[in-house]
């Protein structure tokens, strides 16, 4: 499953959020993991992707930076599941760390889903005017848009 798209939703007082149907199909049949992501969002990984990531992290050398990254990534990880209404429950600690209060945004990001507070996403992605600059940076990795 390749995740894509942007979907606005709200989180309720019990930290439940309806997962958009177009993203839900990648989470329905497997377990998934929710963890703290970069730039103040949460990452939601289907189990197969979580296993790949865990194996990659485990294969890195035991430097202090790697230990710190693994520790932060793993201590904030929680198992997730969809209920019958297609909702997930975000642990309160992760809601606080990601600033999830009311308006939230799901972003499909290829192998994972990002979950943002609307305010943080608006601040992080203020406009699309630097697409040319980003395209040039990707070209350095051999990716052409």
C-alpha atoms as a PDB file:
ATOM      1  CA  UNK A   1       0.000   0.000   0.000  1.00  0.00           C
ATOM      2  CA  UNK A   2       1.313   3.427  -0.950  1.00  0.00           C
ATOM      3  CA  UNK A   3      -0.288   6.207   1.069  1.00  0.00           C
ATOM      4  CA  UNK A   4      -1.052   9.592  -0.495  1.00  0.00           C
ATOM      5  CA  UNK A   5      -3.309  12.598  -0.031  1.00  0.00           C
ATOM      6  CA  UNK A   6      -4.251  15.131   2.625  1.00  0.00           C
ATOM      7  CA  UNK A   7      -7.358  14.748   4.793  1.00  0.00           C
ATOM      8  CA  UNK A   8      -8.728  17.130   7.420  1.00  0.00           C
ATOM      9  CA  UNK A   9     -10.452  15.610  10.455  1.00  0.00           C
ATOM     10  CA  UNK A  10     -11.109  16.300  14.117  1.00  0.00           C
ATOM     11  CA  UNK A  11     -10.064  14.462  17.248  1.00  0.00           C
ATOM     12  CA  UNK A  12     -12.661  13.943  19.975  1.00  0.00           C
ATOM     13  CA  UNK A  13     -12.312  14.313  23.746  1.00  0.00           C
ATOM     14  CA  UNK A  14     -11.366  10.616  24.070  1.00  0.00           C
ATOM     15  CA  UNK A  15      -8.479  11.045  21.563  1.00  0.00           C
ATOM     16  CA  UNK A  16     -10.334   9.137  18.843  1.00  0.00           C
ATOM     17  CA  UNK A  17     -10.010  10.063  15.185  1.00  0.00           C
ATOM     18  CA  UNK A  18     -11.790   8.605  12.177  1.00  0.00           C
ATOM     19  CA  UNK A  19      -9.150   7.433   9.713  1.00  0.00           C
ATOM     20  CA  UNK A  20      -9.980   8.526   6.155  1.00  0.00           C
ATOM     21  CA  UNK A  21     -11.295   5.607   4.091  1.00  0.00           C
ATOM     22  CA  UNK A  22      -8.547   5.994   1.470  1.00  0.00           C
ATOM     23  CA  UNK A  23      -5.909   5.534   4.168  1.00  0.00           C
ATOM     24  CA  UNK A  24      -7.810   3.006   6.229  1.00  0.00           C
ATOM     25  CA  UNK A  25      -7.470   0.233   3.655  1.00  0.00           C
ATOM     26  CA  UNK A  26      -3.729   0.098   4.386  1.00  0.00           C
ATOM     27  CA  UNK A  27      -4.378  -0.389   8.102  1.00  0.00           C
ATOM     28  CA  UNK A  28      -7.447  -2.638   8.283  1.00  0.00           C
ATOM     29  CA  UNK A  29      -5.865  -6.037   7.866  1.00  0.00           C
ATOM     30  CA  UNK A  30      -2.665  -5.541   9.847  1.00  0.00           C
ATOM     31  CA  UNK A  31      -1.559  -4.217  13.147  1.00  0.00           C
ATOM     32  CA  UNK A  32       0.029  -0.804  13.024  1.00  0.00           C
ATOM     33  CA  UNK A  33       2.283   1.323  15.168  1.00  0.00           C
ATOM     34  CA  UNK A  34       1.917   4.988  16.093  1.00  0.00           C
ATOM     35  CA  UNK A  35       5.014   6.888  17.151  1.00  0.00           C
ATOM     36  CA  UNK A  36       6.446  10.357  17.441  1.00  0.00           C
ATOM     37  CA  UNK A  37       7.657  11.633  14.083  1.00  0.00           C
ATOM     38  CA  UNK A  38       9.815  14.473  12.866  1.00  0.00           C
ATOM     39  CA  UNK A  39       8.792  18.120  13.066  1.00  0.00           C
ATOM     40  CA  UNK A  40       6.152  17.511  15.730  1.00  0.00           C
ATOM     41  CA  UNK A  41       3.824  15.115  13.929  1.00  0.00           C
ATOM     42  CA  UNK A  42       3.006  11.464  14.549  1.00  0.00           C
ATOM     43  CA  UNK A  43       3.873   8.612  12.206  1.00  0.00           C
ATOM     44  CA  UNK A  44       1.528   5.684  11.673  1.00  0.00           C
ATOM     45  CA  UNK A  45       3.258   2.627  10.212  1.00  0.00           C
ATOM     46  CA  UNK A  46       1.545  -0.540   8.960  1.00  0.00           C
ATOM     47  CA  UNK A  47       3.158  -3.518  10.679  1.00  0.00           C
ATOM     48  CA  UNK A  48       5.246  -4.591   7.673  1.00  0.00           C
ATOM     49  CA  UNK A  49       6.745  -1.098   7.356  1.00  0.00           C
ATOM     50  CA  UNK A  50       7.321  -0.901  11.121  1.00  0.00           C
ATOM     51  CA  UNK A  51       9.220  -4.189  10.982  1.00  0.00           C
ATOM     52  CA  UNK A  52      11.424  -2.886   8.138  1.00  0.00           C
ATOM     53  CA  UNK A  53      12.144   0.294  10.071  1.00  0.00           C
ATOM     54  CA  UNK A  54      12.866  -1.592  13.296  1.00  0.00           C
ATOM     55  CA  UNK A  55      15.279  -3.907  11.479  1.00  0.00           C
ATOM     56  CA  UNK A  56      17.025  -0.908   9.891  1.00  0.00           C
ATOM     57  CA  UNK A  57      17.389   0.848  13.243  1.00  0.00           C
ATOM     58  CA  UNK A  58      18.642  -2.335  14.856  1.00  0.00           C
ATOM     59  CA  UNK A  59      21.361  -2.747  12.226  1.00  0.00           C
ATOM     60  CA  UNK A  60      22.874   0.702  12.854  1.00  0.00           C
ATOM     61  CA  UNK A  61      26.062   1.063  14.908  1.00  0.00           C
ATOM     62  CA  UNK A  62      25.656   1.705  18.643  1.00  0.00           C
ATOM     63  CA  UNK A  63      26.768   5.335  18.626  1.00  0.00           C
ATOM     64  CA  UNK A  64      25.212   7.731  21.117  1.00  0.00           C
ATOM     65  CA  UNK A  65      23.202   9.473  18.358  1.00  0.00           C
ATOM     66  CA  UNK A  66      21.807   6.162  17.122  1.00  0.00           C
ATOM     67  CA  UNK A  67      20.979   5.031  20.664  1.00  0.00           C
ATOM     68  CA  UNK A  68      19.218   8.339  21.302  1.00  0.00           C
ATOM     69  CA  UNK A  69      17.222   8.126  18.066  1.00  0.00           C
ATOM     70  CA  UNK A  70      16.210   4.500  18.689  1.00  0.00           C
ATOM     71  CA  UNK A  71      15.258   5.269  22.285  1.00  0.00           C
ATOM     72  CA  UNK A  72      13.057   8.241  21.320  1.00  0.00           C
ATOM     73  CA  UNK A  73      11.451   6.371  18.469  1.00  0.00           C
ATOM     74  CA  UNK A  74      10.733   3.210  20.446  1.00  0.00           C
ATOM     75  CA  UNK A  75       9.700   4.708  23.792  1.00  0.00           C
ATOM     76  CA  UNK A  76       7.024   6.735  22.020  1.00  0.00           C
ATOM     77  CA  UNK A  77       5.719   3.781  19.980  1.00  0.00           C
ATOM     78  CA  UNK A  78       2.257   2.384  20.668  1.00  0.00           C
ATOM     79  CA  UNK A  79       0.252  -0.389  19.057  1.00  0.00           C
ATOM     80  CA  UNK A  80      -2.825   0.788  17.238  1.00  0.00           C
ATOM     81  CA  UNK A  81      -6.025  -0.754  15.986  1.00  0.00           C
ATOM     82  CA  UNK A  82      -9.092   0.365  14.112  1.00  0.00           C
ATOM     83  CA  UNK A  83     -12.442   0.069  15.835  1.00  0.00           C
ATOM     84  CA  UNK A  84     -15.651  -0.861  14.004  1.00  0.00           C
ATOM     85  CA  UNK A  85     -16.278   2.793  13.112  1.00  0.00           C
ATOM     86  CA  UNK A  86     -12.841   3.140  11.485  1.00  0.00           C
ATOM     87  CA  UNK A  87     -11.389   5.151  14.357  1.00  0.00           C
ATOM     88  CA  UNK A  88      -8.055   4.964  16.092  1.00  0.00           C
ATOM     89  CA  UNK A  89      -7.265   6.061  19.622  1.00  0.00           C
ATOM     90  CA  UNK A  90      -4.119   8.133  20.044  1.00  0.00           C
ATOM     91  CA  UNK A  91      -2.433   7.745  23.456  1.00  0.00           C
ATOM     92  CA  UNK A  92      -2.757  10.928  25.533  1.00  0.00           C
ATOM     93  CA  UNK A  93       1.014  11.375  25.812  1.00  0.00           C
ATOM     94  CA  UNK A  94       1.414  11.291  22.025  1.00  0.00           C
ATOM     95  CA  UNK A  95      -1.499  13.726  21.601  1.00  0.00           C
ATOM     96  CA  UNK A  96       0.250  16.139  23.936  1.00  0.00           C
ATOM     97  CA  UNK A  97       3.634  15.787  22.209  1.00  0.00           C
ATOM     98  CA  UNK A  98       2.083  16.321  18.766  1.00  0.00           C
ATOM     99  CA  UNK A  99      -0.230  19.132  19.897  1.00  0.00           C
ATOM    100  CA  UNK A 100      -3.368  17.276  18.790  1.00  0.00           C
ATOM    101  CA  UNK A 101      -6.340  19.111  20.270  1.00  0.00           C
ATOM    102  CA  UNK A 102      -9.147  19.501  17.747  1.00  0.00           C
ATOM    103  CA  UNK A 103      -8.332  19.965  14.063  1.00  0.00           C
ATOM    104  CA  UNK A 104      -5.954  17.343  12.696  1.00  0.00           C
ATOM    105  CA  UNK A 105      -4.620  16.485   9.265  1.00  0.00           C
ATOM    106  CA  UNK A 106      -3.713  13.068   7.885  1.00  0.00           C
ATOM    107  CA  UNK A 107      -1.066  13.033   5.167  1.00  0.00           C
ATOM    108  CA  UNK A 108      -0.338   9.911   3.166  1.00  0.00           C
ATOM    109  CA  UNK A 109       3.447   9.735   2.872  1.00  0.00           C
ATOM    110  CA  UNK A 110       4.209   6.645   0.757  1.00  0.00           C
ATOM    111  CA  UNK A 111       5.044   3.978   3.364  1.00  0.00           C
ATOM    112  CA  UNK A 112       3.490   5.693   6.389  1.00  0.00           C
ATOM    113  CA  UNK A 113       0.786   8.129   7.411  1.00  0.00           C
ATOM    114  CA  UNK A 114       1.633  11.407   9.091  1.00  0.00           C
ATOM    115  CA  UNK A 115      -0.811  12.838  11.628  1.00  0.00           C
ATOM    116  CA  UNK A 116      -0.470  16.560  12.284  1.00  0.00           C
ATOM    117  CA  UNK A 117      -2.221  19.207  14.308  1.00  0.00           C
ATOM    118  CA  UNK A 118      -3.568  21.599  11.685  1.00  0.00           C
ATOM    119  CA  UNK A 119      -1.715  24.514  13.278  1.00  0.00           C
ATOM    120  CA  UNK A 120       1.660  22.744  13.236  1.00  0.00           C
ATOM    121  CA  UNK A 121       1.213  21.601   9.661  1.00  0.00           C
ATOM    122  CA  UNK A 122       0.283  25.118   8.537  1.00  0.00           C
ATOM    123  CA  UNK A 123       3.437  26.447  10.219  1.00  0.00           C
ATOM    124  CA  UNK A 124       5.676  23.702   8.784  1.00  0.00           C
ATOM    125  CA  UNK A 125       4.333  23.868   5.225  1.00  0.00           C
ATOM    126  CA  UNK A 126       3.508  27.505   4.747  1.00  0.00           C
ATOM    127  CA  UNK A 127       3.404  27.423   0.943  1.00  0.00           C
ATOM    128  CA  UNK A 128       4.431  25.513  -2.151  1.00  0.00           C
ATOM    129  CA  UNK A 129       6.686  28.229  -3.570  1.00  0.00           C
ATOM    130  CA  UNK A 130       9.899  26.275  -3.017  1.00  0.00           C
ATOM    131  CA  UNK A 131       8.922  23.260  -5.148  1.00  0.00           C
ATOM    132  CA  UNK A 132      11.699  23.985  -7.647  1.00  0.00           C
ATOM    133  CA  UNK A 133      14.310  24.032  -4.879  1.00  0.00           C
ATOM    134  CA  UNK A 134      12.976  20.780  -3.434  1.00  0.00           C
ATOM    135  CA  UNK A 135      12.951  19.176  -6.894  1.00  0.00           C
ATOM    136  CA  UNK A 136      16.609  20.093  -7.333  1.00  0.00           C
ATOM    137  CA  UNK A 137      17.494  18.533  -3.982  1.00  0.00           C
ATOM    138  CA  UNK A 138      15.702  15.326  -4.973  1.00  0.00           C
ATOM    139  CA  UNK A 139      17.547  15.305  -8.297  1.00  0.00           C
ATOM    140  CA  UNK A 140      20.789  15.003  -6.329  1.00  0.00           C
ATOM    141  CA  UNK A 141      19.459  11.616  -5.147  1.00  0.00           C
ATOM    142  CA  UNK A 142      18.523  10.571  -8.662  1.00  0.00           C
ATOM    143  CA  UNK A 143      14.796  11.336  -8.312  1.00  0.00           C
ATOM    144  CA  UNK A 144      13.216  13.315 -11.106  1.00  0.00           C
ATOM    145  CA  UNK A 145       9.812  14.934 -10.685  1.00  0.00           C
END
